[in-house]
Amino acid sequence: MLHLVPLIQLFSAEPAPADPTLQRQGSYEVALMLPPGGLYAEQEMEIEFRVLDVETPGPDGLAQPLRRARIRVEADMPSMPAMPKFDEIAHSEGIPGVFGAHPVFPHGGDYRLCLTIQSPQLQKVGDPGSATPVTFEFPLQVRDAASSPRTPSQRVRPFALDVTTKPWRPVAGEPVELTLAVRMTSSFEDREVTDFDLQHERLVHLFIVRDDLSVFAHEHPELTGPGTFRLRWQFPQPGRYRIFADVAPKGAGSQVLSATVQVDGEPAPPPKTTTGSTTRADFAWPDEGMPVGRTVPGGSLIPLLACFKFCSMRRSTSRTVSR
């Protein structure tokens, strides 16, 4: 009777749960290979997968790696259908049957990864590969960027601010046209974002700040085309300016993006001054940088830069009296 106990336990045991990273459909078997440390937002992640042709065994009778294929990789968040999705063609990893993609997730949450094995653009007659696309769908859990072991400087921002000026080198005191576009860094061609959510009754809040805080402006560029904003402005002083754009790409939340503009010209003569109060307000850029490209919790950059402006005004009024 004792010898029957293990046999009874074997047949009464519950079946082992299916491997969520392994799927078989049609002619193919796909094994998903995720980074050992998991997936994190705001940085380039490497996702690999192995594809086997299970209907065309090799001489050893085993399934053979799929050596030639066009595989479309899409990653989106079902709970936020308006959020731009990652979409590109997978590249070969140099190992037969192993392909990869490098998505950037804008924030943490539950994502969906879709791998579509498409028919080759040029398919030989009698090729056993399927001519009908086959799609595999995998759930992905992406952790917030704050829990990533990487430092902020190593992370990849999901959006970037592209600023062009006309003329190319602005001159202080002369009109300049600023053209702005928000681009998706995870797309193959850095596609422009064309759909935005309103925040504070505007699509874009633009802040123009000189490095020494002597110049500060809060502007609202006009939408002149799909994903393109323009502003005619005049830089009062030469020097290096930071351009901050507070925007909310559809479904992605508030994003603070930054660019720099160098302005030429002769500095204006300093006003005559008399010494007043000794109150000073100095500011130095943090060593780790401003939170450019990161989702701003609980609001936008407006209160922060308003504080900077107040400090700048206090400094100028307490130390300089124009006559």
Protein backbone atom coordinates (compact mmCIF):
# COMPACT_ATOMS: atom_id res chain seq x y z
CA MET A 1 0.00 0.00 0.00
CA LEU A 2 2.86 2.34 0.74
CA HIS A 3 4.06 2.09 -2.85
CA LEU A 4 0.66 3.28 -4.10
CA VAL A 5 0.79 6.58 -2.18
CA PRO A 6 3.20 8.40 -4.56
CA LEU A 7 1.22 7.10 -7.55
CA ILE A 8 -2.05 8.38 -6.10
CA GLN A 9 -0.45 11.75 -5.35
CA LEU A 10 0.87 11.93 -8.91
CA PHE A 11 -2.56 11.52 -10.49
CA SER A 12 -4.38 13.70 -7.94
CA ALA A 13 -1.92 16.63 -8.13
CA GLU A 14 -3.13 19.81 -9.83
CA PRO A 15 -1.54 20.54 -13.23
CA ALA A 16 1.32 23.01 -13.20
CA PRO A 17 0.30 26.54 -14.25
CA ALA A 18 1.03 27.46 -17.86
CA ASP A 19 4.12 29.53 -18.51
CA PRO A 20 2.84 33.09 -19.32
CA THR A 21 5.97 33.80 -21.36
CA LEU A 22 5.48 30.82 -23.72
CA GLN A 23 2.76 30.65 -26.38
CA ARG A 24 2.06 28.42 -29.36
CA GLN A 25 -0.20 29.38 -32.24
CA GLY A 26 -0.45 28.08 -35.78
CA SER A 27 3.02 27.27 -37.12
CA TYR A 28 4.92 29.14 -34.44
CA GLU A 29 5.98 28.97 -30.83
CA VAL A 30 7.13 32.18 -29.15
CA ALA A 31 9.08 32.37 -25.90
CA LEU A 32 9.30 35.83 -24.35
CA MET A 33 12.61 36.73 -22.67
CA LEU A 34 12.34 39.74 -20.36
CA PRO A 35 15.20 41.50 -18.50
CA PRO A 36 16.03 39.62 -15.27
CA GLY A 37 15.50 42.77 -13.20
CA GLY A 38 12.08 43.51 -14.67
CA LEU A 39 10.73 46.39 -16.76
CA TYR A 40 10.90 50.05 -15.69
CA ALA A 41 9.40 53.25 -17.06
CA GLU A 42 11.32 56.18 -18.59
CA GLN A 43 14.25 54.12 -19.83
CA GLU A 44 15.08 52.02 -22.85
CA MET A 45 14.25 48.40 -22.11
CA GLU A 46 15.49 45.38 -24.05
CA ILE A 47 12.82 42.77 -24.78
CA GLU A 48 13.87 39.63 -26.65
CA PHE A 49 11.88 36.63 -27.84
CA ARG A 50 12.62 33.30 -29.52
CA VAL A 51 10.45 32.08 -32.41
CA LEU A 52 10.34 28.42 -33.48
CA ASP A 53 8.71 26.93 -36.56
CA VAL A 54 6.94 23.94 -35.00
CA GLU A 55 5.45 22.63 -38.26
CA THR A 56 8.75 22.28 -40.09
CA PRO A 57 11.00 20.04 -37.96
CA GLY A 58 14.66 19.68 -38.78
CA PRO A 59 16.62 16.48 -39.44
CA ASP A 60 16.67 15.82 -35.70
CA GLY A 61 12.89 15.96 -35.55
CA LEU A 62 12.88 19.09 -33.39
CA ALA A 63 11.29 22.45 -34.13
CA GLN A 64 13.64 24.80 -35.95
CA PRO A 65 14.29 28.49 -35.20
CA LEU A 66 12.57 30.92 -37.53
CA ARG A 67 15.50 32.45 -39.36
CA ARG A 68 13.71 34.90 -41.63
CA ALA A 69 10.69 36.93 -40.58
CA ARG A 70 9.21 40.42 -40.31
CA ILE A 71 7.85 40.75 -36.78
CA ARG A 72 5.91 43.83 -35.74
CA VAL A 73 6.26 44.77 -32.07
CA GLU A 74 3.54 46.87 -30.44
CA ALA A 75 3.24 47.89 -26.79
CA ASP A 76 0.31 49.83 -25.38
CA MET A 77 -1.69 50.31 -22.20
CA PRO A 78 -5.29 49.04 -22.62
CA SER A 79 -6.51 51.24 -19.74
CA MET A 80 -5.24 54.35 -21.59
CA PRO A 81 -6.17 53.83 -25.27
CA ALA A 82 -5.32 57.42 -26.19
CA MET A 83 -1.68 57.06 -25.09
CA PRO A 84 0.74 56.78 -28.04
CA LYS A 85 1.90 53.20 -28.43
CA PHE A 86 5.32 51.78 -29.17
CA ASP A 87 5.38 50.36 -32.71
CA GLU A 88 8.39 49.09 -34.66
CA ILE A 89 9.77 46.11 -36.60
CA ALA A 90 11.86 43.75 -34.47
CA HIS A 91 15.55 43.34 -35.24
CA SER A 92 17.55 40.13 -35.25
CA GLU A 93 19.76 39.53 -32.23
CA GLY A 94 22.33 37.58 -34.25
CA ILE A 95 21.12 34.23 -32.89
CA PRO A 96 18.88 32.08 -35.14
CA GLY A 97 15.26 32.57 -34.15
CA VAL A 98 15.94 35.30 -31.57
CA PHE A 99 14.58 38.82 -32.18
CA GLY A 100 14.40 41.95 -30.08
CA ALA A 101 12.97 45.43 -29.60
CA HIS A 102 13.82 48.36 -27.32
CA PRO A 103 10.63 50.06 -26.12
CA VAL A 104 10.44 53.01 -23.74
CA PHE A 105 7.43 53.02 -21.42
CA PRO A 106 6.29 56.53 -20.38
CA HIS A 107 5.14 55.41 -16.92
CA GLY A 108 4.48 52.32 -14.84
CA GLY A 109 1.41 50.12 -15.11
CA ASP A 110 -0.10 47.14 -16.91
CA TYR A 111 0.86 47.02 -20.59
CA ARG A 112 0.10 44.71 -23.50
CA LEU A 113 2.81 43.44 -25.86
CA CYS A 114 1.69 42.26 -29.29
CA LEU A 115 4.08 40.36 -31.57
CA THR A 116 2.78 39.95 -35.11
CA ILE A 117 4.72 37.57 -37.36
CA GLN A 118 4.12 38.93 -40.84
CA SER A 119 4.73 37.26 -44.16
CA PRO A 120 8.09 38.26 -45.69
CA GLN A 121 8.00 41.01 -48.30
CA LEU A 122 9.56 38.55 -50.77
CA GLN A 123 8.38 35.01 -50.24
CA LYS A 124 9.60 32.16 -52.40
CA VAL A 125 7.15 29.80 -54.04
CA GLY A 126 6.65 26.78 -51.79
CA ASP A 127 8.07 28.57 -48.75
CA PRO A 128 6.60 26.75 -45.70
CA GLY A 129 6.35 30.02 -43.77
CA SER A 130 2.81 31.21 -43.13
CA ALA A 131 1.48 33.87 -45.50
CA THR A 132 -1.13 34.94 -42.93
CA PRO A 133 0.00 37.21 -40.05
CA VAL A 134 -0.08 35.57 -36.63
CA THR A 135 -0.28 37.70 -33.48
CA PHE A 136 0.88 36.74 -30.00
CA GLU A 137 -0.25 38.82 -27.03
CA PHE A 138 1.61 39.00 -23.71
CA PRO A 139 0.81 41.00 -20.55
CA LEU A 140 3.63 43.17 -19.22
CA GLN A 141 4.05 44.68 -15.77
CA VAL A 142 6.11 47.89 -15.87
CA ARG A 143 7.38 49.43 -12.64
CA ASP A 144 7.61 53.17 -11.96
CA ALA A 145 10.84 54.95 -12.82
CA ALA A 146 11.35 55.90 -9.16
CA SER A 147 11.98 52.25 -8.27
CA SER A 148 14.55 51.74 -11.04
CA PRO A 149 18.12 50.88 -10.01
CA ARG A 150 19.39 53.21 -12.73
CA THR A 151 20.21 56.83 -11.97
CA PRO A 152 18.02 59.56 -13.53
CA SER A 153 20.78 60.48 -16.00
CA GLN A 154 20.70 56.94 -17.43
CA ARG A 155 16.98 56.96 -18.14
CA VAL A 156 15.42 57.67 -21.52
CA ARG A 157 12.66 60.24 -21.67
CA PRO A 158 9.55 59.23 -23.64
CA PHE A 159 9.15 62.75 -25.09
CA ALA A 160 11.56 65.44 -26.24
CA LEU A 161 11.16 69.11 -27.10
CA ASP A 162 12.37 70.19 -30.54
CA VAL A 163 12.91 73.97 -30.86
CA THR A 164 14.00 75.71 -34.05
CA THR A 165 14.52 79.45 -34.48
CA LYS A 166 14.20 81.78 -37.44
CA PRO A 167 16.73 83.27 -37.90
CA TRP A 168 18.95 80.35 -36.95
CA ARG A 169 21.04 82.47 -34.52
CA PRO A 170 18.72 84.92 -32.75
CA VAL A 171 20.02 88.39 -31.92
CA ALA A 172 18.98 90.21 -28.78
CA GLY A 173 16.48 92.99 -29.46
CA GLU A 174 15.38 91.59 -32.82
CA PRO A 175 12.19 89.56 -33.52
CA VAL A 176 12.56 85.79 -33.74
CA GLU A 177 10.12 83.03 -34.60
CA LEU A 178 10.23 79.94 -32.36
CA THR A 179 8.85 76.70 -33.80
CA LEU A 180 8.22 73.93 -31.29
CA ALA A 181 7.35 70.25 -31.65
CA VAL A 182 7.02 67.48 -29.06
CA ARG A 183 8.53 64.23 -30.34
CA MET A 184 8.14 60.61 -29.23
CA THR A 185 11.64 59.35 -28.53
CA SER A 186 10.51 55.72 -28.63
CA SER A 187 9.34 55.95 -32.26
CA PHE A 188 11.65 54.96 -35.08
CA GLU A 189 11.57 58.41 -36.74
CA ASP A 190 10.97 60.57 -33.63
CA ARG A 191 7.38 61.18 -34.72
CA GLU A 192 5.65 64.36 -33.61
CA VAL A 193 2.91 64.25 -31.01
CA THR A 194 -0.25 65.64 -32.64
CA ASP A 195 -2.84 65.20 -29.90
CA PHE A 196 -2.65 66.98 -26.54
CA ASP A 197 -4.80 67.32 -23.44
CA LEU A 198 -5.68 70.79 -22.17
CA GLN A 199 -4.09 71.83 -18.89
CA HIS A 200 -4.79 75.16 -17.26
CA GLU A 201 -6.94 75.98 -20.33
CA ARG A 202 -3.93 75.79 -22.69
CA LEU A 203 -2.22 73.17 -24.82
CA VAL A 204 1.27 74.50 -24.10
CA HIS A 205 2.68 76.68 -21.36
CA LEU A 206 6.08 77.98 -22.44
CA PHE A 207 8.63 79.44 -20.04
CA ILE A 208 11.66 81.33 -21.31
CA VAL A 209 14.34 81.75 -18.66
CA ARG A 210 17.82 83.23 -19.01
CA ASP A 211 20.51 81.25 -17.20
CA ASP A 212 21.05 84.00 -14.62
CA LEU A 213 17.25 84.42 -14.11
CA SER A 214 17.43 88.05 -15.23
CA VAL A 215 14.84 87.30 -17.93
CA PHE A 216 11.65 85.35 -17.36
CA ALA A 217 8.59 85.02 -19.61
CA HIS A 218 5.45 82.86 -19.59
CA GLU A 219 4.00 82.53 -23.09
CA HIS A 220 1.38 80.43 -24.93
CA PRO A 221 2.49 79.48 -28.47
CA GLU A 222 -0.21 79.03 -31.10
CA LEU A 223 -0.95 75.70 -32.75
CA THR A 224 -0.23 76.27 -36.45
CA GLY A 225 -0.26 72.68 -37.75
CA PRO A 226 -0.42 69.07 -36.61
CA GLY A 227 1.96 68.96 -33.64
CA THR A 228 3.56 72.32 -34.49
CA PHE A 229 3.46 75.44 -32.29
CA ARG A 230 4.86 78.87 -33.11
CA LEU A 231 5.69 81.98 -31.12
CA ARG A 232 7.07 85.33 -32.24
CA TRP A 233 9.23 86.76 -29.50
CA GLN A 234 12.17 89.06 -28.80
CA PHE A 235 15.03 88.15 -26.49
CA PRO A 236 15.95 91.30 -24.52
CA GLN A 237 19.51 90.22 -23.68
CA PRO A 238 22.12 87.97 -25.30
CA GLY A 239 23.08 84.77 -23.56
CA ARG A 240 21.90 81.24 -23.00
CA TYR A 241 18.20 80.65 -22.43
CA ARG A 242 16.31 77.61 -21.17
CA ILE A 243 13.02 76.92 -22.93
CA PHE A 244 10.60 74.92 -20.76
CA ALA A 245 7.42 73.50 -22.29
CA ASP A 246 4.70 72.24 -19.96
CA VAL A 247 2.55 69.96 -22.14
CA ALA A 248 0.30 66.91 -21.78
CA PRO A 249 0.44 64.48 -24.72
CA LYS A 250 -2.89 62.69 -24.99
CA GLY A 251 -3.17 60.15 -22.19
CA ALA A 252 0.45 60.56 -21.01
CA GLY A 253 -0.05 63.16 -18.29
CA SER A 254 1.79 66.43 -17.75
CA GLN A 255 5.33 66.47 -19.15
CA VAL A 256 7.97 69.16 -18.55
CA LEU A 257 10.35 69.26 -21.51
CA SER A 258 13.37 71.47 -22.04
CA ALA A 259 15.61 72.87 -24.76
CA THR A 260 18.24 75.62 -24.94
CA VAL A 261 18.64 78.62 -27.25
CA GLN A 262 21.81 80.71 -27.60
CA VAL A 263 21.17 84.41 -28.33
CA ASP A 264 23.82 86.67 -29.87
CA GLY A 265 24.18 90.43 -29.60
CA GLU A 266 25.70 93.14 -27.49
CA PRO A 267 24.64 93.27 -23.85
CA ALA A 268 22.61 96.31 -22.86
CA PRO A 269 24.44 98.86 -20.70
CA PRO A 270 23.78 98.27 -17.02
CA PRO A 271 21.48 100.81 -15.34
CA LYS A 272 22.82 103.22 -12.80
CA THR A 273 22.49 101.68 -9.40
CA THR A 274 22.48 102.59 -5.78
CA THR A 275 23.08 100.11 -3.03
CA GLY A 276 19.92 99.14 -1.23
CA SER A 277 19.12 96.14 0.87
CA THR A 278 21.65 93.35 1.19
CA THR A 279 18.96 90.74 0.53
CA ARG A 280 20.10 88.23 -2.09
CA ALA A 281 18.40 85.38 -3.92
CA ASP A 282 20.74 83.08 -5.83
CA PHE A 283 19.91 79.94 -7.74
CA ALA A 284 22.09 77.10 -9.01
CA TRP A 285 20.90 74.28 -11.28
CA PRO A 286 20.74 70.99 -9.33
CA ASP A 287 23.59 68.57 -10.01
CA GLU A 288 21.13 65.89 -11.12
CA GLY A 289 19.41 68.36 -13.47
CA MET A 290 15.85 69.56 -13.72
CA PRO A 291 13.05 66.96 -13.97
CA VAL A 292 12.90 67.28 -17.75
CA GLY A 293 10.65 64.80 -19.51
CA ARG A 294 9.29 63.32 -16.29
CA THR A 295 5.62 63.26 -15.37
CA VAL A 296 5.08 65.99 -12.81
CA PRO A 297 2.97 64.68 -9.92
CA GLY A 298 0.06 66.79 -8.74
CA GLY A 299 0.35 69.59 -11.28
CA SER A 300 2.76 71.31 -13.60
CA LEU A 301 5.86 73.48 -13.65
CA ILE A 302 3.92 76.75 -13.36
CA PRO A 303 4.13 77.15 -9.55
CA LEU A 304 7.83 76.23 -9.54
CA LEU A 305 8.82 78.77 -12.19
CA ALA A 306 6.57 81.39 -10.65
CA CYS A 307 8.67 80.99 -7.51
CA PHE A 308 11.85 81.42 -9.58
CA LYS A 309 10.43 84.62 -11.04
CA PHE A 310 9.62 85.94 -7.58
CA CYS A 311 13.18 85.26 -6.44
CA SER A 312 14.54 87.01 -9.52
CA MET A 313 12.35 90.08 -8.91
CA ARG A 314 13.37 90.21 -5.25
CA ARG A 315 17.02 90.08 -6.26
CA SER A 316 16.74 92.81 -8.89
CA THR A 317 14.61 95.19 -6.76
CA SER A 318 16.72 94.76 -3.63
CA ARG A 319 20.08 95.28 -5.30
CA THR A 320 19.37 97.63 -8.20
CA VAL A 321 17.51 100.94 -8.31
CA SER A 322 17.20 102.47 -11.77
CA ARG A 323 17.32 106.21 -12.16
